[in-house]
Amino acid sequence: MPIIVNLDVMMAKRKMSLNELSEKVDLTLSNLSILKTGKAKAVRFSTLEAICKVLECQPGDILEYVEK
């Protein structure tokens, strides 16, 4: 898939664990893990908004298009 999820990079920059982010965005650990590993087929704007708010970043910091 040409969309790369850089959630793990942003979490590392903010020194935030998956558990901590899961609690702050009110998303299950398993669903957040699926998103983090790039296995998600879709993401709600509300989820992306919550993640960006907590990590203080832009959607483009989390999602990246890479042409193959």
PDB file of N, CA and C in Angstrom:
ATOM      1  N   MET A   1       0.860  -1.184   0.000  1.00  0.00           N
ATOM      2  CA  MET A   1       0.000   0.000   0.000  1.00  0.00           C
ATOM      3  C   MET A   1       0.896   1.234   0.000  1.00  0.00           C
ATOM      4  N   PRO A   2       0.606   2.184  -0.847  1.00  0.00           N
ATOM      5  CA  PRO A   2       1.472   3.358  -0.939  1.00  0.00           C
ATOM      6  C   PRO A   2       1.304   4.376   0.195  1.00  0.00           C
ATOM      7  N   ILE A   3       0.344   4.151   1.108  1.00  0.00           N
ATOM      8  CA  ILE A   3       0.187   5.039   2.260  1.00  0.00           C
ATOM      9  C   ILE A   3       0.962   4.436   3.433  1.00  0.00           C
ATOM     10  N   ILE A   4       1.925   5.184   3.923  1.00  0.00           N
ATOM     11  CA  ILE A   4       2.750   4.737   5.038  1.00  0.00           C
ATOM     12  C   ILE A   4       2.288   5.441   6.315  1.00  0.00           C
ATOM     13  N   VAL A   5       2.141   4.682   7.378  1.00  0.00           N
ATOM     14  CA  VAL A   5       1.741   5.242   8.673  1.00  0.00           C
ATOM     15  C   VAL A   5       2.987   5.424   9.525  1.00  0.00           C
ATOM     16  N   ASN A   6       3.241   6.658   9.901  1.00  0.00           N
ATOM     17  CA  ASN A   6       4.421   6.991  10.704  1.00  0.00           C
ATOM     18  C   ASN A   6       4.055   7.283  12.156  1.00  0.00           C
ATOM     19  N   LEU A   7       3.023   6.610  12.631  1.00  0.00           N
ATOM     20  CA  LEU A   7       2.581   6.831  14.011  1.00  0.00           C
ATOM     21  C   LEU A   7       3.674   6.473  15.003  1.00  0.00           C
ATOM     22  N   ASP A   8       4.392   5.393  14.732  1.00  0.00           N
ATOM     23  CA  ASP A   8       5.460   4.982  15.654  1.00  0.00           C
ATOM     24  C   ASP A   8       6.571   6.033  15.723  1.00  0.00           C
ATOM     25  N   VAL A   9       6.846   6.685  14.605  1.00  0.00           N
ATOM     26  CA  VAL A   9       7.872   7.734  14.580  1.00  0.00           C
ATOM     27  C   VAL A   9       7.433   8.922  15.439  1.00  0.00           C
ATOM     28  N   MET A  10       6.176   9.336  15.270  1.00  0.00           N
ATOM     29  CA  MET A  10       5.675  10.479  16.055  1.00  0.00           C
ATOM     30  C   MET A  10       5.602  10.140  17.539  1.00  0.00           C
ATOM     31  N   MET A  11       5.225   8.899  17.848  1.00  0.00           N
ATOM     32  CA  MET A  11       5.180   8.485  19.250  1.00  0.00           C
ATOM     33  C   MET A  11       6.587   8.500  19.854  1.00  0.00           C
ATOM     34  N   ALA A  12       7.564   8.063  19.103  1.00  0.00           N
ATOM     35  CA  ALA A  12       8.946   8.066  19.595  1.00  0.00           C
ATOM     36  C   ALA A  12       9.437   9.495  19.808  1.00  0.00           C
ATOM     37  N   LYS A  13       9.104  10.407  18.880  1.00  0.00           N
ATOM     38  CA  LYS A  13       9.502  11.809  19.031  1.00  0.00           C
ATOM     39  C   LYS A  13       8.907  12.438  20.278  1.00  0.00           C
ATOM     40  N   ARG A  14       7.666  12.037  20.599  1.00  0.00           N
ATOM     41  CA  ARG A  14       6.973  12.590  21.784  1.00  0.00           C
ATOM     42  C   ARG A  14       7.225  11.746  23.034  1.00  0.00           C
ATOM     43  N   LYS A  15       8.002  10.656  22.857  1.00  0.00           N
ATOM     44  CA  LYS A  15       8.301   9.736  23.958  1.00  0.00           C
ATOM     45  C   LYS A  15       7.020   9.259  24.631  1.00  0.00           C
ATOM     46  N   MET A  16       6.083   8.783  23.815  1.00  0.00           N
ATOM     47  CA  MET A  16       4.792   8.333  24.313  1.00  0.00           C
ATOM     48  C   MET A  16       4.603   6.865  23.953  1.00  0.00           C
ATOM     49  N   SER A  17       4.135   6.104  24.905  1.00  0.00           N
ATOM     50  CA  SER A  17       3.900   4.678  24.671  1.00  0.00           C
ATOM     51  C   SER A  17       2.538   4.469  24.001  1.00  0.00           C
ATOM     52  N   LEU A  18       2.376   3.270  23.457  1.00  0.00           N
ATOM     53  CA  LEU A  18       1.103   2.924  22.819  1.00  0.00           C
ATOM     54  C   LEU A  18      -0.021   2.923  23.848  1.00  0.00           C
ATOM     55  N   ASN A  19       0.273   2.446  25.043  1.00  0.00           N
ATOM     56  CA  ASN A  19      -0.732   2.438  26.112  1.00  0.00           C
ATOM     57  C   ASN A  19      -1.167   3.856  26.475  1.00  0.00           C
ATOM     58  N   GLU A  20      -0.199   4.747  26.613  1.00  0.00           N
ATOM     59  CA  GLU A  20      -0.505   6.134  26.982  1.00  0.00           C
ATOM     60  C   GLU A  20      -1.336   6.814  25.895  1.00  0.00           C
ATOM     61  N   LEU A  21      -0.940   6.618  24.627  1.00  0.00           N
ATOM     62  CA  LEU A  21      -1.694   7.228  23.528  1.00  0.00           C
ATOM     63  C   LEU A  21      -3.093   6.634  23.455  1.00  0.00           C
ATOM     64  N   SER A  22      -3.199   5.332  23.663  1.00  0.00           N
ATOM     65  CA  SER A  22      -4.493   4.660  23.635  1.00  0.00           C
ATOM     66  C   SER A  22      -5.445   5.270  24.653  1.00  0.00           C
ATOM     67  N   GLU A  23      -4.960   5.531  25.836  1.00  0.00           N
ATOM     68  CA  GLU A  23      -5.794   6.125  26.882  1.00  0.00           C
ATOM     69  C   GLU A  23      -6.190   7.556  26.528  1.00  0.00           C
ATOM     70  N   LYS A  24      -5.248   8.316  25.977  1.00  0.00           N
ATOM     71  CA  LYS A  24      -5.521   9.728  25.696  1.00  0.00           C
ATOM     72  C   LYS A  24      -6.454   9.935  24.513  1.00  0.00           C
ATOM     73  N   VAL A  25      -6.449   9.029  23.528  1.00  0.00           N
ATOM     74  CA  VAL A  25      -7.326   9.198  22.364  1.00  0.00           C
ATOM     75  C   VAL A  25      -8.582   8.332  22.472  1.00  0.00           C
ATOM     76  N   ASP A  26      -8.687   7.595  23.606  1.00  0.00           N
ATOM     77  CA  ASP A  26      -9.847   6.739  23.857  1.00  0.00           C
ATOM     78  C   ASP A  26     -10.079   5.747  22.710  1.00  0.00           C
ATOM     79  N   LEU A  27      -9.019   5.059  22.351  1.00  0.00           N
ATOM     80  CA  LEU A  27      -9.053   4.044  21.300  1.00  0.00           C
ATOM     81  C   LEU A  27      -8.458   2.774  21.895  1.00  0.00           C
ATOM     82  N   THR A  28      -9.014   1.628  21.519  1.00  0.00           N
ATOM     83  CA  THR A  28      -8.494   0.388  22.096  1.00  0.00           C
ATOM     84  C   THR A  28      -7.043   0.185  21.678  1.00  0.00           C
ATOM     85  N   LEU A  29      -6.330  -0.509  22.532  1.00  0.00           N
ATOM     86  CA  LEU A  29      -4.922  -0.786  22.257  1.00  0.00           C
ATOM     87  C   LEU A  29      -4.767  -1.586  20.962  1.00  0.00           C
ATOM     88  N   SER A  30      -5.656  -2.532  20.740  1.00  0.00           N
ATOM     89  CA  SER A  30      -5.548  -3.359  19.529  1.00  0.00           C
ATOM     90  C   SER A  30      -5.810  -2.540  18.266  1.00  0.00           C
ATOM     91  N   ASN A  31      -6.800  -1.665  18.300  1.00  0.00           N
ATOM     92  CA  ASN A  31      -7.077  -0.839  17.114  1.00  0.00           C
ATOM     93  C   ASN A  31      -5.947   0.148  16.835  1.00  0.00           C
ATOM     94  N   LEU A  32      -5.390   0.699  17.891  1.00  0.00           N
ATOM     95  CA  LEU A  32      -4.268   1.619  17.718  1.00  0.00           C
ATOM     96  C   LEU A  32      -3.038   0.870  17.202  1.00  0.00           C
ATOM     97  N   SER A  33      -2.850  -0.345  17.664  1.00  0.00           N
ATOM     98  CA  SER A  33      -1.734  -1.165  17.195  1.00  0.00           C
ATOM     99  C   SER A  33      -1.881  -1.493  15.714  1.00  0.00           C
ATOM    100  N   ILE A  34      -3.095  -1.795  15.279  1.00  0.00           N
ATOM    101  CA  ILE A  34      -3.360  -2.067  13.862  1.00  0.00           C
ATOM    102  C   ILE A  34      -3.007  -0.841  13.028  1.00  0.00           C
ATOM    103  N   LEU A  35      -3.384   0.341  13.517  1.00  0.00           N
ATOM    104  CA  LEU A  35      -3.057   1.583  12.809  1.00  0.00           C
ATOM    105  C   LEU A  35      -1.545   1.815  12.792  1.00  0.00           C
ATOM    106  N   LYS A  36      -0.915   1.597  13.907  1.00  0.00           N
ATOM    107  CA  LYS A  36       0.530   1.831  14.043  1.00  0.00           C
ATOM    108  C   LYS A  36       1.350   0.938  13.119  1.00  0.00           C
ATOM    109  N   THR A  37       0.915  -0.287  12.956  1.00  0.00           N
ATOM    110  CA  THR A  37       1.667  -1.237  12.133  1.00  0.00           C
ATOM    111  C   THR A  37       1.344  -1.134  10.647  1.00  0.00           C
ATOM    112  N   GLY A  38       0.428  -0.213  10.300  1.00  0.00           N
ATOM    113  CA  GLY A  38       0.102  -0.030   8.889  1.00  0.00           C
ATOM    114  C   GLY A  38      -0.849  -1.066   8.342  1.00  0.00           C
ATOM    115  N   LYS A  39      -1.506  -1.819   9.209  1.00  0.00           N
ATOM    116  CA  LYS A  39      -2.435  -2.855   8.764  1.00  0.00           C
ATOM    117  C   LYS A  39      -3.863  -2.341   8.623  1.00  0.00           C
ATOM    118  N   ALA A  40      -4.121  -1.113   9.056  1.00  0.00           N
ATOM    119  CA  ALA A  40      -5.467  -0.551   8.972  1.00  0.00           C
ATOM    120  C   ALA A  40      -5.821  -0.243   7.519  1.00  0.00           C
ATOM    121  N   LYS A  41      -7.072  -0.496   7.171  1.00  0.00           N
ATOM    122  CA  LYS A  41      -7.561  -0.200   5.819  1.00  0.00           C
ATOM    123  C   LYS A  41      -8.170   1.196   5.745  1.00  0.00           C
ATOM    124  N   ALA A  42      -8.499   1.768   6.905  1.00  0.00           N
ATOM    125  CA  ALA A  42      -9.108   3.095   6.932  1.00  0.00           C
ATOM    126  C   ALA A  42      -8.875   3.716   8.302  1.00  0.00           C
ATOM    127  N   VAL A  43      -9.033   5.020   8.358  1.00  0.00           N
ATOM    128  CA  VAL A  43      -8.944   5.724   9.644  1.00  0.00           C
ATOM    129  C   VAL A  43      -9.966   6.859   9.626  1.00  0.00           C
ATOM    130  N   ARG A  44     -10.714   6.978  10.708  1.00  0.00           N
ATOM    131  CA  ARG A  44     -11.709   8.054  10.804  1.00  0.00           C
ATOM    132  C   ARG A  44     -10.987   9.391  11.013  1.00  0.00           C
ATOM    133  N   PHE A  45     -11.570  10.431  10.451  1.00  0.00           N
ATOM    134  CA  PHE A  45     -11.004  11.763  10.655  1.00  0.00           C
ATOM    135  C   PHE A  45     -11.006  12.119  12.140  1.00  0.00           C
ATOM    136  N   SER A  46     -12.043  11.678  12.856  1.00  0.00           N
ATOM    137  CA  SER A  46     -12.113  11.983  14.290  1.00  0.00           C
ATOM    138  C   SER A  46     -10.962  11.310  15.041  1.00  0.00           C
ATOM    139  N   THR A  47     -10.592  10.105  14.625  1.00  0.00           N
ATOM    140  CA  THR A  47      -9.454   9.420  15.247  1.00  0.00           C
ATOM    141  C   THR A  47      -8.161  10.132  14.910  1.00  0.00           C
ATOM    142  N   LEU A  48      -8.010  10.489  13.640  1.00  0.00           N
ATOM    143  CA  LEU A  48      -6.807  11.202  13.208  1.00  0.00           C
ATOM    144  C   LEU A  48      -6.688  12.545  13.930  1.00  0.00           C
ATOM    145  N   GLU A  49      -7.810  13.220  14.091  1.00  0.00           N
ATOM    146  CA  GLU A  49      -7.830  14.498  14.801  1.00  0.00           C
ATOM    147  C   GLU A  49      -7.387  14.323  16.252  1.00  0.00           C
ATOM    148  N   ALA A  50      -7.907  13.287  16.915  1.00  0.00           N
ATOM    149  CA  ALA A  50      -7.554  13.037  18.313  1.00  0.00           C
ATOM    150  C   ALA A  50      -6.065  12.720  18.449  1.00  0.00           C
ATOM    151  N   ILE A  51      -5.550  11.906  17.544  1.00  0.00           N
ATOM    152  CA  ILE A  51      -4.122  11.560  17.581  1.00  0.00           C
ATOM    153  C   ILE A  51      -3.268  12.796  17.358  1.00  0.00           C
ATOM    154  N   CYS A  52      -3.638  13.613  16.378  1.00  0.00           N
ATOM    155  CA  CYS A  52      -2.873  14.831  16.095  1.00  0.00           C
ATOM    156  C   CYS A  52      -2.907  15.801  17.280  1.00  0.00           C
ATOM    157  N   LYS A  53      -4.052  15.879  17.938  1.00  0.00           N
ATOM    158  CA  LYS A  53      -4.185  16.776  19.093  1.00  0.00           C
ATOM    159  C   LYS A  53      -3.253  16.331  20.219  1.00  0.00           C
ATOM    160  N   VAL A  54      -3.253  15.031  20.501  1.00  0.00           N
ATOM    161  CA  VAL A  54      -2.420  14.511  21.596  1.00  0.00           C
ATOM    162  C   VAL A  54      -0.937  14.602  21.244  1.00  0.00           C
ATOM    163  N   LEU A  55      -0.580  14.247  20.018  1.00  0.00           N
ATOM    164  CA  LEU A  55       0.834  14.244  19.622  1.00  0.00           C
ATOM    165  C   LEU A  55       1.326  15.611  19.148  1.00  0.00           C
ATOM    166  N   GLU A  56       0.404  16.583  19.088  1.00  0.00           N
ATOM    167  CA  GLU A  56       0.727  17.944  18.641  1.00  0.00           C
ATOM    168  C   GLU A  56       1.445  17.905  17.294  1.00  0.00           C
ATOM    169  N   CYS A  57       0.740  17.352  16.312  1.00  0.00           N
ATOM    170  CA  CYS A  57       1.324  17.229  14.974  1.00  0.00           C
ATOM    171  C   CYS A  57       0.237  17.422  13.917  1.00  0.00           C
ATOM    172  N   GLN A  58       0.620  17.340  12.680  1.00  0.00           N
ATOM    173  CA  GLN A  58      -0.294  17.458  11.554  1.00  0.00           C
ATOM    174  C   GLN A  58      -0.573  16.065  10.986  1.00  0.00           C
ATOM    175  N   PRO A  59      -1.703  15.871  10.303  1.00  0.00           N
ATOM    176  CA  PRO A  59      -1.991  14.561   9.700  1.00  0.00           C
ATOM    177  C   PRO A  59      -0.862  14.078   8.783  1.00  0.00           C
ATOM    178  N   GLY A  60      -0.206  15.012   8.104  1.00  0.00           N
ATOM    179  CA  GLY A  60       0.892  14.650   7.219  1.00  0.00           C
ATOM    180  C   GLY A  60       2.113  14.117   7.957  1.00  0.00           C
ATOM    181  N   ASP A  61       2.182  14.390   9.249  1.00  0.00           N
ATOM    182  CA  ASP A  61       3.274  13.835  10.054  1.00  0.00           C
ATOM    183  C   ASP A  61       3.035  12.349  10.334  1.00  0.00           C
ATOM    184  N   ILE A  62       1.780  11.940  10.253  1.00  0.00           N
ATOM    185  CA  ILE A  62       1.420  10.552  10.567  1.00  0.00           C
ATOM    186  C   ILE A  62       1.238   9.718   9.308  1.00  0.00           C
ATOM    187  N   LEU A  63       0.612  10.317   8.287  1.00  0.00           N
ATOM    188  CA  LEU A  63       0.355   9.595   7.043  1.00  0.00           C
ATOM    189  C   LEU A  63       1.240  10.144   5.930  1.00  0.00           C
ATOM    190  N   GLU A  64       1.814   9.236   5.160  1.00  0.00           N
ATOM    191  CA  GLU A  64       2.720   9.635   4.078  1.00  0.00           C
ATOM    192  C   GLU A  64       2.404   8.813   2.826  1.00  0.00           C
ATOM    193  N   TYR A  65       2.334   9.476   1.686  1.00  0.00           N
ATOM    194  CA  TYR A  65       2.126   8.776   0.415  1.00  0.00           C
ATOM    195  C   TYR A  65       3.482   8.526  -0.227  1.00  0.00           C
ATOM    196  N   VAL A  66       3.736   7.269  -0.540  1.00  0.00           N
ATOM    197  CA  VAL A  66       4.987   6.899  -1.190  1.00  0.00           C
ATOM    198  C   VAL A  66       4.650   6.193  -2.493  1.00  0.00           C
ATOM    199  N   GLU A  67       5.045   6.780  -3.605  1.00  0.00           N
ATOM    200  CA  GLU A  67       4.761   6.177  -4.908  1.00  0.00           C
ATOM    201  C   GLU A  67       5.677   4.983  -5.117  1.00  0.00           C
ATOM    202  N   LYS A  68       5.070   3.871  -5.532  1.00  0.00           N
ATOM    203  CA  LYS A  68       5.860   2.644  -5.754  1.00  0.00           C
ATOM    204  C   LYS A  68       6.104   2.425  -7.215  1.00  0.00           C
TER     205      LYS A  68
END
